[in-house]
């Protein structure tokens, strides 16, 4: 089963998942160079373009030092809970 983030293509999802995985291991978003090396791209401009797209769509943003970070409010489309889970949570409330 493949997982896609709302509004991202399959290739953008792969790159975004790499950002998340890298962040979990290193506590920072990878550099353009690290992204390019990981995916084997010849041009460093490719990774720059991906980061610009993520920034434009609200997945990442720049901090006060002009470094990328994950957006505080990433664009997530709420999805309804499955009926059996929704019923269990509303019955307990």
PDB file of N, CA and C in Angstrom:
ATOM      1  N   UNK A   1       0.841  -1.183   0.000  1.00  0.00           N
ATOM      2  CA  UNK A   1       0.000   0.000   0.000  1.00  0.00           C
ATOM      3  C   UNK A   1       0.882   1.240   0.000  1.00  0.00           C
ATOM      4  N   UNK A   2       0.637   2.147  -0.933  1.00  0.00           N
ATOM      5  CA  UNK A   2       1.415   3.372  -0.989  1.00  0.00           C
ATOM      6  C   UNK A   2       0.679   4.482  -0.259  1.00  0.00           C
ATOM      7  N   UNK A   3       1.465   5.358   0.325  1.00  0.00           N
ATOM      8  CA  UNK A   3       0.902   6.463   1.088  1.00  0.00           C
ATOM      9  C   UNK A   3       1.238   7.758   0.374  1.00  0.00           C
ATOM     10  N   UNK A   4       0.241   8.565   0.089  1.00  0.00           N
ATOM     11  CA  UNK A   4       0.446   9.841  -0.574  1.00  0.00           C
ATOM     12  C   UNK A   4      -0.017  10.963   0.344  1.00  0.00           C
ATOM     13  N   UNK A   5       0.752  12.024   0.406  1.00  0.00           N
ATOM     14  CA  UNK A   5       0.327  13.211   1.125  1.00  0.00           C
ATOM     15  C   UNK A   5      -0.614  13.986   0.219  1.00  0.00           C
ATOM     16  N   UNK A   6      -1.594  14.621   0.799  1.00  0.00           N
ATOM     17  CA  UNK A   6      -2.563  15.381   0.013  1.00  0.00           C
ATOM     18  C   UNK A   6      -1.867  16.441  -0.819  1.00  0.00           C
ATOM     19  N   UNK A   7      -2.160  16.456  -2.108  1.00  0.00           N
ATOM     20  CA  UNK A   7      -1.636  17.474  -2.997  1.00  0.00           C
ATOM     21  C   UNK A   7      -0.235  17.226  -3.521  1.00  0.00           C
ATOM     22  N   UNK A   8       0.387  16.097  -3.181  1.00  0.00           N
ATOM     23  CA  UNK A   8       1.738  15.811  -3.661  1.00  0.00           C
ATOM     24  C   UNK A   8       1.706  14.657  -4.658  1.00  0.00           C
ATOM     25  N   UNK A   9       2.573  14.744  -5.656  1.00  0.00           N
ATOM     26  CA  UNK A   9       2.706  13.658  -6.617  1.00  0.00           C
ATOM     27  C   UNK A   9       3.472  12.506  -5.966  1.00  0.00           C
ATOM     28  N   UNK A  10       3.565  11.400  -6.678  1.00  0.00           N
ATOM     29  CA  UNK A  10       4.288  10.241  -6.147  1.00  0.00           C
ATOM     30  C   UNK A  10       5.760  10.584  -5.893  1.00  0.00           C
ATOM     31  N   UNK A  11       6.402  11.270  -6.831  1.00  0.00           N
ATOM     32  CA  UNK A  11       7.818  11.614  -6.648  1.00  0.00           C
ATOM     33  C   UNK A  11       7.998  12.632  -5.520  1.00  0.00           C
ATOM     34  N   UNK A  12       7.082  13.588  -5.414  1.00  0.00           N
ATOM     35  CA  UNK A  12       7.159  14.558  -4.318  1.00  0.00           C
ATOM     36  C   UNK A  12       6.959  13.865  -2.979  1.00  0.00           C
ATOM     37  N   UNK A  13       6.088  12.867  -2.937  1.00  0.00           N
ATOM     38  CA  UNK A  13       5.865  12.109  -1.704  1.00  0.00           C
ATOM     39  C   UNK A  13       7.131  11.379  -1.294  1.00  0.00           C
ATOM     40  N   UNK A  14       7.840  10.789  -2.269  1.00  0.00           N
ATOM     41  CA  UNK A  14       9.104  10.096  -1.952  1.00  0.00           C
ATOM     42  C   UNK A  14      10.119  11.064  -1.348  1.00  0.00           C
ATOM     43  N   UNK A  15      10.228  12.240  -1.934  1.00  0.00           N
ATOM     44  CA  UNK A  15      11.187  13.227  -1.419  1.00  0.00           C
ATOM     45  C   UNK A  15      10.760  13.708  -0.029  1.00  0.00           C
ATOM     46  N   UNK A  16       9.474  13.970   0.146  1.00  0.00           N
ATOM     47  CA  UNK A  16       8.989  14.443   1.451  1.00  0.00           C
ATOM     48  C   UNK A  16       9.210  13.380   2.530  1.00  0.00           C
ATOM     49  N   UNK A  17       8.962  12.103   2.187  1.00  0.00           N
ATOM     50  CA  UNK A  17       9.216  11.023   3.154  1.00  0.00           C
ATOM     51  C   UNK A  17      10.704  10.984   3.526  1.00  0.00           C
ATOM     52  N   UNK A  18      11.572  11.228   2.550  1.00  0.00           N
ATOM     53  CA  UNK A  18      13.004  11.278   2.845  1.00  0.00           C
ATOM     54  C   UNK A  18      13.305  12.417   3.819  1.00  0.00           C
ATOM     55  N   UNK A  19      12.689  13.576   3.619  1.00  0.00           N
ATOM     56  CA  UNK A  19      12.890  14.699   4.539  1.00  0.00           C
ATOM     57  C   UNK A  19      12.489  14.310   5.957  1.00  0.00           C
ATOM     58  N   UNK A  20      11.346  13.652   6.076  1.00  0.00           N
ATOM     59  CA  UNK A  20      10.853  13.237   7.391  1.00  0.00           C
ATOM     60  C   UNK A  20      11.794  12.215   8.022  1.00  0.00           C
ATOM     61  N   UNK A  21      12.198  11.205   7.261  1.00  0.00           N
ATOM     62  CA  UNK A  21      13.105  10.177   7.779  1.00  0.00           C
ATOM     63  C   UNK A  21      14.447  10.770   8.188  1.00  0.00           C
ATOM     64  N   UNK A  22      14.979  11.653   7.356  1.00  0.00           N
ATOM     65  CA  UNK A  22      16.256  12.300   7.654  1.00  0.00           C
ATOM     66  C   UNK A  22      16.132  13.135   8.929  1.00  0.00           C
ATOM     67  N   UNK A  23      15.027  13.850   9.047  1.00  0.00           N
ATOM     68  CA  UNK A  23      14.799  14.680  10.225  1.00  0.00           C
ATOM     69  C   UNK A  23      14.747  13.830  11.496  1.00  0.00           C
ATOM     70  N   UNK A  24      14.103  12.683  11.426  1.00  0.00           N
ATOM     71  CA  UNK A  24      14.006  11.806  12.595  1.00  0.00           C
ATOM     72  C   UNK A  24      15.375  11.323  13.060  1.00  0.00           C
ATOM     73  N   UNK A  25      16.290  11.140  12.137  1.00  0.00           N
ATOM     74  CA  UNK A  25      17.628  10.664  12.487  1.00  0.00           C
ATOM     75  C   UNK A  25      18.603  11.788  12.831  1.00  0.00           C
ATOM     76  N   UNK A  26      18.413  12.982  12.236  1.00  0.00           N
ATOM     77  CA  UNK A  26      19.416  14.041  12.353  1.00  0.00           C
ATOM     78  C   UNK A  26      18.903  15.339  12.977  1.00  0.00           C
ATOM     79  N   UNK A  27      17.623  15.413  13.294  1.00  0.00           N
ATOM     80  CA  UNK A  27      17.019  16.585  13.921  1.00  0.00           C
ATOM     81  C   UNK A  27      17.130  17.852  13.068  1.00  0.00           C
ATOM     82  N   UNK A  28      17.214  17.675  11.768  1.00  0.00           N
ATOM     83  CA  UNK A  28      17.212  18.803  10.835  1.00  0.00           C
ATOM     84  C   UNK A  28      16.824  18.295   9.449  1.00  0.00           C
ATOM     85  N   UNK A  29      16.347  19.195   8.613  1.00  0.00           N
ATOM     86  CA  UNK A  29      16.015  18.836   7.242  1.00  0.00           C
ATOM     87  C   UNK A  29      17.324  18.721   6.458  1.00  0.00           C
ATOM     88  N   UNK A  30      17.444  17.748   5.549  1.00  0.00           N
ATOM     89  CA  UNK A  30      18.706  17.579   4.814  1.00  0.00           C
ATOM     90  C   UNK A  30      19.008  18.756   3.895  1.00  0.00           C
ATOM     91  N   UNK A  31      20.282  18.917   3.612  1.00  0.00           N
ATOM     92  CA  UNK A  31      20.719  19.972   2.702  1.00  0.00           C
ATOM     93  C   UNK A  31      20.340  19.603   1.269  1.00  0.00           C
ATOM     94  N   UNK A  32      20.413  20.595   0.386  1.00  0.00           N
ATOM     95  CA  UNK A  32      20.156  20.336  -1.035  1.00  0.00           C
ATOM     96  C   UNK A  32      21.094  19.246  -1.538  1.00  0.00           C
ATOM     97  N   UNK A  33      22.336  19.318  -1.128  1.00  0.00           N
ATOM     98  CA  UNK A  33      23.349  18.354  -1.561  1.00  0.00           C
ATOM     99  C   UNK A  33      23.001  16.937  -1.093  1.00  0.00           C
ATOM    100  N   UNK A  34      22.578  16.806   0.153  1.00  0.00           N
ATOM    101  CA  UNK A  34      22.230  15.486   0.693  1.00  0.00           C
ATOM    102  C   UNK A  34      21.024  14.894  -0.043  1.00  0.00           C
ATOM    103  N   UNK A  35      20.042  15.732  -0.367  1.00  0.00           N
ATOM    104  CA  UNK A  35      18.865  15.266  -1.104  1.00  0.00           C
ATOM    105  C   UNK A  35      19.277  14.795  -2.495  1.00  0.00           C
ATOM    106  N   UNK A  36      20.104  15.598  -3.163  1.00  0.00           N
ATOM    107  CA  UNK A  36      20.573  15.255  -4.507  1.00  0.00           C
ATOM    108  C   UNK A  36      21.337  13.932  -4.495  1.00  0.00           C
ATOM    109  N   UNK A  37      22.223  13.761  -3.525  1.00  0.00           N
ATOM    110  CA  UNK A  37      22.997  12.522  -3.436  1.00  0.00           C
ATOM    111  C   UNK A  37      22.108  11.316  -3.165  1.00  0.00           C
ATOM    112  N   UNK A  38      21.154  11.472  -2.263  1.00  0.00           N
ATOM    113  CA  UNK A  38      20.276  10.352  -1.909  1.00  0.00           C
ATOM    114  C   UNK A  38      19.494   9.834  -3.119  1.00  0.00           C
ATOM    115  N   UNK A  39      18.993  10.745  -3.946  1.00  0.00           N
ATOM    116  CA  UNK A  39      18.183  10.344  -5.090  1.00  0.00           C
ATOM    117  C   UNK A  39      18.997  10.165  -6.371  1.00  0.00           C
ATOM    118  N   UNK A  40      20.292  10.484  -6.330  1.00  0.00           N
ATOM    119  CA  UNK A  40      21.159  10.276  -7.488  1.00  0.00           C
ATOM    120  C   UNK A  40      20.935  11.254  -8.623  1.00  0.00           C
ATOM    121  N   UNK A  41      20.465  12.441  -8.298  1.00  0.00           N
ATOM    122  CA  UNK A  41      20.224  13.450  -9.331  1.00  0.00           C
ATOM    123  C   UNK A  41      21.541  14.114  -9.712  1.00  0.00           C
ATOM    124  N   UNK A  42      21.706  14.429 -10.992  1.00  0.00           N
ATOM    125  CA  UNK A  42      22.923  15.077 -11.469  1.00  0.00           C
ATOM    126  C   UNK A  42      22.930  16.566 -11.125  1.00  0.00           C
ATOM    127  N   UNK A  43      21.770  17.196 -11.179  1.00  0.00           N
ATOM    128  CA  UNK A  43      21.691  18.638 -10.968  1.00  0.00           C
ATOM    129  C   UNK A  43      21.254  18.974  -9.541  1.00  0.00           C
ATOM    130  N   UNK A  44      21.982  19.861  -8.867  1.00  0.00           N
ATOM    131  CA  UNK A  44      21.544  20.293  -7.532  1.00  0.00           C
ATOM    132  C   UNK A  44      20.267  21.125  -7.589  1.00  0.00           C
ATOM    133  N   UNK A  45      19.955  21.664  -8.761  1.00  0.00           N
ATOM    134  CA  UNK A  45      18.762  22.493  -8.908  1.00  0.00           C
ATOM    135  C   UNK A  45      17.477  21.686  -8.692  1.00  0.00           C
ATOM    136  N   UNK A  46      17.518  20.382  -8.950  1.00  0.00           N
ATOM    137  CA  UNK A  46      16.336  19.545  -8.769  1.00  0.00           C
ATOM    138  C   UNK A  46      15.888  19.549  -7.316  1.00  0.00           C
ATOM    139  N   UNK A  47      16.816  19.364  -6.389  1.00  0.00           N
ATOM    140  CA  UNK A  47      16.449  19.365  -4.972  1.00  0.00           C
ATOM    141  C   UNK A  47      15.972  20.744  -4.522  1.00  0.00           C
ATOM    142  N   UNK A  48      16.569  21.792  -5.061  1.00  0.00           N
ATOM    143  CA  UNK A  48      16.137  23.158  -4.736  1.00  0.00           C
ATOM    144  C   UNK A  48      14.688  23.364  -5.173  1.00  0.00           C
ATOM    145  N   UNK A  49      14.353  22.881  -6.369  1.00  0.00           N
ATOM    146  CA  UNK A  49      12.991  23.026  -6.885  1.00  0.00           C
ATOM    147  C   UNK A  49      11.976  22.263  -6.035  1.00  0.00           C
ATOM    148  N   UNK A  50      12.336  21.064  -5.592  1.00  0.00           N
ATOM    149  CA  UNK A  50      11.437  20.314  -4.713  1.00  0.00           C
ATOM    150  C   UNK A  50      11.178  21.092  -3.419  1.00  0.00           C
ATOM    151  N   UNK A  51      12.235  21.621  -2.815  1.00  0.00           N
ATOM    152  CA  UNK A  51      12.069  22.365  -1.564  1.00  0.00           C
ATOM    153  C   UNK A  51      11.217  23.614  -1.777  1.00  0.00           C
ATOM    154  N   UNK A  52      11.393  24.273  -2.916  1.00  0.00           N
ATOM    155  CA  UNK A  52      10.568  25.450  -3.215  1.00  0.00           C
ATOM    156  C   UNK A  52       9.095  25.061  -3.339  1.00  0.00           C
ATOM    157  N   UNK A  53       8.823  23.922  -3.978  1.00  0.00           N
ATOM    158  CA  UNK A  53       7.437  23.459  -4.115  1.00  0.00           C
ATOM    159  C   UNK A  53       6.828  23.139  -2.755  1.00  0.00           C
ATOM    160  N   UNK A  54       7.603  22.469  -1.891  1.00  0.00           N
ATOM    161  CA  UNK A  54       7.103  22.152  -0.549  1.00  0.00           C
ATOM    162  C   UNK A  54       6.833  23.429   0.245  1.00  0.00           C
ATOM    163  N   UNK A  55       7.703  24.408   0.089  1.00  0.00           N
ATOM    164  CA  UNK A  55       7.507  25.681   0.788  1.00  0.00           C
ATOM    165  C   UNK A  55       6.251  26.387   0.261  1.00  0.00           C
ATOM    166  N   UNK A  56       6.083  26.401  -1.048  1.00  0.00           N
ATOM    167  CA  UNK A  56       4.927  27.067  -1.649  1.00  0.00           C
ATOM    168  C   UNK A  56       3.615  26.412  -1.206  1.00  0.00           C
ATOM    169  N   UNK A  57       3.620  25.101  -1.045  1.00  0.00           N
ATOM    170  CA  UNK A  57       2.417  24.379  -0.640  1.00  0.00           C
ATOM    171  C   UNK A  57       2.214  24.349   0.871  1.00  0.00           C
ATOM    172  N   UNK A  58       3.175  24.886   1.629  1.00  0.00           N
ATOM    173  CA  UNK A  58       3.000  24.989   3.071  1.00  0.00           C
ATOM    174  C   UNK A  58       3.485  23.803   3.882  1.00  0.00           C
ATOM    175  N   UNK A  59       4.251  22.884   3.273  1.00  0.00           N
ATOM    176  CA  UNK A  59       4.770  21.735   4.006  1.00  0.00           C
ATOM    177  C   UNK A  59       6.023  22.087   4.812  1.00  0.00           C
ATOM    178  N   UNK A  60       6.826  22.994   4.281  1.00  0.00           N
ATOM    179  CA  UNK A  60       8.006  23.472   5.001  1.00  0.00           C
ATOM    180  C   UNK A  60       8.011  24.994   4.954  1.00  0.00           C
ATOM    181  N   UNK A  61       8.822  25.584   5.815  1.00  0.00           N
ATOM    182  CA  UNK A  61       8.952  27.042   5.850  1.00  0.00           C
ATOM    183  C   UNK A  61      10.371  27.376   6.267  1.00  0.00           C
ATOM    184  N   UNK A  62      10.713  28.645   6.191  1.00  0.00           N
ATOM    185  CA  UNK A  62      12.051  29.080   6.608  1.00  0.00           C
ATOM    186  C   UNK A  62      11.964  29.704   8.000  1.00  0.00           C
ATOM    187  N   UNK A  63      12.989  29.430   8.805  1.00  0.00           N
ATOM    188  CA  UNK A  63      13.022  30.018  10.146  1.00  0.00           C
ATOM    189  C   UNK A  63      13.739  31.363  10.104  1.00  0.00           C
ATOM    190  N   UNK A  64      13.997  31.942  11.265  1.00  0.00           N
ATOM    191  CA  UNK A  64      14.623  33.264  11.345  1.00  0.00           C
ATOM    192  C   UNK A  64      16.034  33.271  10.761  1.00  0.00           C
ATOM    193  N   UNK A  65      16.701  32.124  10.757  1.00  0.00           N
ATOM    194  CA  UNK A  65      18.055  32.010  10.196  1.00  0.00           C
ATOM    195  C   UNK A  65      18.029  31.642   8.712  1.00  0.00           C
ATOM    196  N   UNK A  66      16.843  31.651   8.104  1.00  0.00           N
ATOM    197  CA  UNK A  66      16.646  31.338   6.695  1.00  0.00           C
ATOM    198  C   UNK A  66      16.916  29.866   6.362  1.00  0.00           C
ATOM    199  N   UNK A  67      16.816  28.978   7.372  1.00  0.00           N
ATOM    200  CA  UNK A  67      16.956  27.549   7.142  1.00  0.00           C
ATOM    201  C   UNK A  67      15.560  26.939   7.076  1.00  0.00           C
ATOM    202  N   UNK A  68      15.437  25.850   6.304  1.00  0.00           N
ATOM    203  CA  UNK A  68      14.148  25.192   6.196  1.00  0.00           C
ATOM    204  C   UNK A  68      13.811  24.438   7.471  1.00  0.00           C
ATOM    205  N   UNK A  69      12.524  24.410   7.782  1.00  0.00           N
ATOM    206  CA  UNK A  69      11.995  23.590   8.863  1.00  0.00           C
ATOM    207  C   UNK A  69      10.601  23.150   8.429  1.00  0.00           C
ATOM    208  N   UNK A  70      10.068  22.140   9.095  1.00  0.00           N
ATOM    209  CA  UNK A  70       8.711  21.714   8.792  1.00  0.00           C
ATOM    210  C   UNK A  70       7.756  22.791   9.272  1.00  0.00           C
ATOM    211  N   UNK A  71       6.723  23.034   8.480  1.00  0.00           N
ATOM    212  CA  UNK A  71       5.753  24.077   8.813  1.00  0.00           C
ATOM    213  C   UNK A  71       5.037  23.722  10.109  1.00  0.00           C
ATOM    214  N   UNK A  72       4.759  24.738  10.891  1.00  0.00           N
ATOM    215  CA  UNK A  72       4.053  24.507  12.152  1.00  0.00           C
ATOM    216  C   UNK A  72       2.631  24.018  11.905  1.00  0.00           C
ATOM    217  N   UNK A  73       2.034  24.471  10.819  1.00  0.00           N
ATOM    218  CA  UNK A  73       0.692  24.014  10.446  1.00  0.00           C
ATOM    219  C   UNK A  73       0.748  23.504   9.012  1.00  0.00           C
ATOM    220  N   UNK A  74       1.201  22.265   8.852  1.00  0.00           N
ATOM    221  CA  UNK A  74       1.282  21.673   7.515  1.00  0.00           C
ATOM    222  C   UNK A  74      -0.128  21.455   6.969  1.00  0.00           C
ATOM    223  N   UNK A  75      -0.303  21.596   5.663  1.00  0.00           N
ATOM    224  CA  UNK A  75      -1.631  21.432   5.077  1.00  0.00           C
ATOM    225  C   UNK A  75      -2.083  19.974   5.099  1.00  0.00           C
ATOM    226  N   UNK A  76      -2.925  19.659   6.027  1.00  0.00           N
ATOM    227  CA  UNK A  76      -3.434  18.295   6.146  1.00  0.00           C
ATOM    228  C   UNK A  76      -4.938  18.346   5.950  1.00  0.00           C
ATOM    229  N   UNK A  77      -5.432  17.522   5.061  1.00  0.00           N
ATOM    230  CA  UNK A  77      -6.865  17.451   4.832  1.00  0.00           C
ATOM    231  C   UNK A  77      -7.460  16.479   5.838  1.00  0.00           C
ATOM    232  N   UNK A  78      -8.362  16.955   6.709  1.00  0.00           N
ATOM    233  CA  UNK A  78      -8.959  16.020   7.677  1.00  0.00           C
ATOM    234  C   UNK A  78      -9.780  14.955   6.971  1.00  0.00           C
ATOM    235  N   UNK A  79      -9.665  13.760   7.460  1.00  0.00           N
ATOM    236  CA  UNK A  79     -10.430  12.653   6.889  1.00  0.00           C
ATOM    237  C   UNK A  79     -11.329  12.090   7.978  1.00  0.00           C
ATOM    238  N   UNK A  80     -12.550  11.724   7.636  1.00  0.00           N
ATOM    239  CA  UNK A  80     -13.467  11.200   8.657  1.00  0.00           C
ATOM    240  C   UNK A  80     -12.968   9.878   9.229  1.00  0.00           C
ATOM    241  N   UNK A  81     -13.238   9.657  10.503  1.00  0.00           N
ATOM    242  CA  UNK A  81     -12.880   8.392  11.128  1.00  0.00           C
ATOM    243  C   UNK A  81     -13.759   7.286  10.566  1.00  0.00           C
ATOM    244  N   UNK A  82     -13.236   6.069  10.490  1.00  0.00           N
ATOM    245  CA  UNK A  82     -14.099   4.961  10.097  1.00  0.00           C
ATOM    246  C   UNK A  82     -15.281   4.873  11.054  1.00  0.00           C
ATOM    247  N   UNK A  83     -16.422   4.426  10.573  1.00  0.00           N
ATOM    248  CA  UNK A  83     -17.666   4.452  11.339  1.00  0.00           C
ATOM    249  C   UNK A  83     -17.529   3.757  12.692  1.00  0.00           C
ATOM    250  N   UNK A  84     -16.894   2.589  12.754  1.00  0.00           N
ATOM    251  CA  UNK A  84     -16.787   1.861  14.016  1.00  0.00           C
ATOM    252  C   UNK A  84     -15.945   2.600  15.039  1.00  0.00           C
ATOM    253  N   UNK A  85     -14.901   3.322  14.591  1.00  0.00           N
ATOM    254  CA  UNK A  85     -14.054   4.085  15.521  1.00  0.00           C
ATOM    255  C   UNK A  85     -14.787   5.338  15.967  1.00  0.00           C
ATOM    256  N   UNK A  86     -15.432   6.030  15.033  1.00  0.00           N
ATOM    257  CA  UNK A  86     -16.166   7.254  15.363  1.00  0.00           C
ATOM    258  C   UNK A  86     -17.262   6.945  16.375  1.00  0.00           C
ATOM    259  N   UNK A  87     -17.950   5.832  16.212  1.00  0.00           N
ATOM    260  CA  UNK A  87     -19.018   5.458  17.138  1.00  0.00           C
ATOM    261  C   UNK A  87     -18.462   5.176  18.529  1.00  0.00           C
ATOM    262  N   UNK A  88     -17.345   4.491  18.602  1.00  0.00           N
ATOM    263  CA  UNK A  88     -16.734   4.163  19.892  1.00  0.00           C
ATOM    264  C   UNK A  88     -16.334   5.434  20.641  1.00  0.00           C
ATOM    265  N   UNK A  89     -15.741   6.422  19.931  1.00  0.00           N
ATOM    266  CA  UNK A  89     -15.285   7.647  20.579  1.00  0.00           C
ATOM    267  C   UNK A  89     -16.445   8.535  20.989  1.00  0.00           C
ATOM    268  N   UNK A  90     -17.490   8.600  20.210  1.00  0.00           N
ATOM    269  CA  UNK A  90     -18.611   9.463  20.569  1.00  0.00           C
ATOM    270  C   UNK A  90     -19.435   8.840  21.680  1.00  0.00           C
ATOM    271  N   UNK A  91     -19.475   7.507  21.770  1.00  0.00           N
ATOM    272  CA  UNK A  91     -20.235   6.839  22.830  1.00  0.00           C
ATOM    273  C   UNK A  91     -19.569   7.039  24.180  1.00  0.00           C
ATOM    274  N   UNK A  92     -18.224   7.109  24.195  1.00  0.00           N
ATOM    275  CA  UNK A  92     -17.499   7.270  25.456  1.00  0.00           C
ATOM    276  C   UNK A  92     -17.568   8.691  25.966  1.00  0.00           C
ATOM    277  N   UNK A  93     -17.832   9.646  25.101  1.00  0.00           N
ATOM    278  CA  UNK A  93     -17.839  11.050  25.491  1.00  0.00           C
ATOM    279  C   UNK A  93     -19.081  11.454  26.228  1.00  0.00           C
TER     280      UNK A  93
END
